[in-house]
């Protein structure tokens, strides 16, 4: 387990002086499996997408955005169809 630096200047000695371990403390604590730090959040994708800059006609962009959230995914799906690529799950 990786050693951490003390957050305060005072050295803690007596177990009775330990801070209360609250739900909030556990939610922000690092989680280890053996020596390995387990990352939080969304796991890395096996096929990550690539960020690009793309110039679209204003009316095309408005069409996709008007349908709400997920407009970039819909553009991606339509491009896959046009290129006759297999749809991903």
C-alpha atoms as a PDB file:
ATOM      1  CA  UNK A   1       0.000   0.000   0.000  1.00  0.00           C
ATOM      2  CA  UNK A   2       1.304   3.434  -0.937  1.00  0.00           C
ATOM      3  CA  UNK A   3       2.296   5.738   1.936  1.00  0.00           C
ATOM      4  CA  UNK A   4       0.449   9.053   2.112  1.00  0.00           C
ATOM      5  CA  UNK A   5       1.624  12.374   3.431  1.00  0.00           C
ATOM      6  CA  UNK A   6      -0.044  13.696   6.559  1.00  0.00           C
ATOM      7  CA  UNK A   7      -2.658  16.369   5.890  1.00  0.00           C
ATOM      8  CA  UNK A   8      -1.930  18.227   9.116  1.00  0.00           C
ATOM      9  CA  UNK A   9       1.072  19.360  11.109  1.00  0.00           C
ATOM     10  CA  UNK A  10       0.037  17.553  14.298  1.00  0.00           C
ATOM     11  CA  UNK A  11       1.283  13.984  14.653  1.00  0.00           C
ATOM     12  CA  UNK A  12      -1.470  11.603  15.672  1.00  0.00           C
ATOM     13  CA  UNK A  13      -0.565   9.059  18.338  1.00  0.00           C
ATOM     14  CA  UNK A  14      -3.627   8.034  20.393  1.00  0.00           C
ATOM     15  CA  UNK A  15      -6.251   5.924  18.553  1.00  0.00           C
ATOM     16  CA  UNK A  16      -8.953   7.717  20.551  1.00  0.00           C
ATOM     17  CA  UNK A  17      -7.957  10.952  18.778  1.00  0.00           C
ATOM     18  CA  UNK A  18      -8.630   9.485  15.312  1.00  0.00           C
ATOM     19  CA  UNK A  19     -11.132  11.380  13.171  1.00  0.00           C
ATOM     20  CA  UNK A  20     -14.559   9.799  12.734  1.00  0.00           C
ATOM     21  CA  UNK A  21     -14.755   7.694   9.589  1.00  0.00           C
ATOM     22  CA  UNK A  22     -17.873   9.055   7.914  1.00  0.00           C
ATOM     23  CA  UNK A  23     -19.658   8.009   4.729  1.00  0.00           C
ATOM     24  CA  UNK A  24     -18.135  11.065   3.002  1.00  0.00           C
ATOM     25  CA  UNK A  25     -14.624   9.996   4.052  1.00  0.00           C
ATOM     26  CA  UNK A  26     -15.091   6.524   2.538  1.00  0.00           C
ATOM     27  CA  UNK A  27     -16.517   7.987  -0.690  1.00  0.00           C
ATOM     28  CA  UNK A  28     -13.308   9.973  -1.277  1.00  0.00           C
ATOM     29  CA  UNK A  29     -10.821   7.357  -0.021  1.00  0.00           C
ATOM     30  CA  UNK A  30      -8.455   5.584  -2.424  1.00  0.00           C
ATOM     31  CA  UNK A  31      -9.262   1.921  -3.039  1.00  0.00           C
ATOM     32  CA  UNK A  32      -6.449  -0.596  -3.448  1.00  0.00           C
ATOM     33  CA  UNK A  33      -6.475  -4.226  -4.528  1.00  0.00           C
ATOM     34  CA  UNK A  34      -3.172  -5.467  -3.192  1.00  0.00           C
ATOM     35  CA  UNK A  35      -0.605  -2.877  -4.313  1.00  0.00           C
ATOM     36  CA  UNK A  36      -2.695  -1.667  -7.263  1.00  0.00           C
ATOM     37  CA  UNK A  37      -4.761   1.524  -7.026  1.00  0.00           C
ATOM     38  CA  UNK A  38      -8.251   0.887  -8.390  1.00  0.00           C
ATOM     39  CA  UNK A  39      -9.327   3.801 -10.578  1.00  0.00           C
ATOM     40  CA  UNK A  40     -12.726   5.355 -10.101  1.00  0.00           C
ATOM     41  CA  UNK A  41     -15.147   6.487 -12.740  1.00  0.00           C
ATOM     42  CA  UNK A  42     -15.936   5.124 -16.134  1.00  0.00           C
ATOM     43  CA  UNK A  43     -13.627   2.299 -17.260  1.00  0.00           C
ATOM     44  CA  UNK A  44     -11.523   2.850 -20.357  1.00  0.00           C
ATOM     45  CA  UNK A  45     -13.180   1.799 -23.579  1.00  0.00           C
ATOM     46  CA  UNK A  46     -11.704  -0.999 -25.678  1.00  0.00           C
ATOM     47  CA  UNK A  47     -12.473   1.151 -28.757  1.00  0.00           C
ATOM     48  CA  UNK A  48     -12.249   4.808 -27.675  1.00  0.00           C
ATOM     49  CA  UNK A  49     -13.508   7.531 -29.977  1.00  0.00           C
ATOM     50  CA  UNK A  50     -11.210  10.184 -31.430  1.00  0.00           C
ATOM     51  CA  UNK A  51     -11.921  13.879 -30.978  1.00  0.00           C
ATOM     52  CA  UNK A  52     -11.922  15.772 -34.283  1.00  0.00           C
ATOM     53  CA  UNK A  53     -12.768  19.215 -35.533  1.00  0.00           C
ATOM     54  CA  UNK A  54     -15.389  19.031 -38.267  1.00  0.00           C
ATOM     55  CA  UNK A  55     -17.019  21.827 -40.241  1.00  0.00           C
ATOM     56  CA  UNK A  56     -20.715  21.223 -40.914  1.00  0.00           C
ATOM     57  CA  UNK A  57     -23.369  23.338 -42.608  1.00  0.00           C
ATOM     58  CA  UNK A  58     -25.365  25.301 -40.041  1.00  0.00           C
ATOM     59  CA  UNK A  59     -28.670  23.671 -41.010  1.00  0.00           C
ATOM     60  CA  UNK A  60     -27.207  20.163 -40.677  1.00  0.00           C
ATOM     61  CA  UNK A  61     -25.887  20.952 -37.211  1.00  0.00           C
ATOM     62  CA  UNK A  62     -29.197  22.539 -36.186  1.00  0.00           C
ATOM     63  CA  UNK A  63     -31.082  19.435 -37.371  1.00  0.00           C
ATOM     64  CA  UNK A  64     -29.044  17.121 -35.148  1.00  0.00           C
ATOM     65  CA  UNK A  65     -28.939  19.458 -32.145  1.00  0.00           C
ATOM     66  CA  UNK A  66     -32.710  20.097 -32.307  1.00  0.00           C
ATOM     67  CA  UNK A  67     -33.349  16.436 -31.404  1.00  0.00           C
ATOM     68  CA  UNK A  68     -31.583  16.957 -28.065  1.00  0.00           C
ATOM     69  CA  UNK A  69     -28.778  15.243 -26.212  1.00  0.00           C
ATOM     70  CA  UNK A  70     -26.820  12.592 -28.107  1.00  0.00           C
ATOM     71  CA  UNK A  71     -26.594  14.558 -31.341  1.00  0.00           C
ATOM     72  CA  UNK A  72     -22.920  13.686 -31.820  1.00  0.00           C
ATOM     73  CA  UNK A  73     -23.684   9.973 -31.429  1.00  0.00           C
ATOM     74  CA  UNK A  74     -26.481  10.275 -33.996  1.00  0.00           C
ATOM     75  CA  UNK A  75     -24.106  11.939 -36.473  1.00  0.00           C
ATOM     76  CA  UNK A  76     -21.614   9.115 -35.849  1.00  0.00           C
ATOM     77  CA  UNK A  77     -24.312   6.461 -36.421  1.00  0.00           C
ATOM     78  CA  UNK A  78     -25.458   8.131 -39.658  1.00  0.00           C
ATOM     79  CA  UNK A  79     -21.870   8.353 -40.919  1.00  0.00           C
ATOM     80  CA  UNK A  80     -21.384   4.638 -40.147  1.00  0.00           C
ATOM     81  CA  UNK A  81     -24.541   3.842 -42.183  1.00  0.00           C
ATOM     82  CA  UNK A  82     -23.401   6.010 -45.101  1.00  0.00           C
ATOM     83  CA  UNK A  83     -19.994   4.322 -45.103  1.00  0.00           C
ATOM     84  CA  UNK A  84     -21.678   0.889 -44.813  1.00  0.00           C
ATOM     85  CA  UNK A  85     -19.803   0.100 -41.603  1.00  0.00           C
ATOM     86  CA  UNK A  86     -21.120  -2.328 -38.998  1.00  0.00           C
ATOM     87  CA  UNK A  87     -23.114  -0.618 -36.215  1.00  0.00           C
ATOM     88  CA  UNK A  88     -21.548  -0.833 -32.773  1.00  0.00           C
ATOM     89  CA  UNK A  89     -23.495  -1.756 -29.672  1.00  0.00           C
END
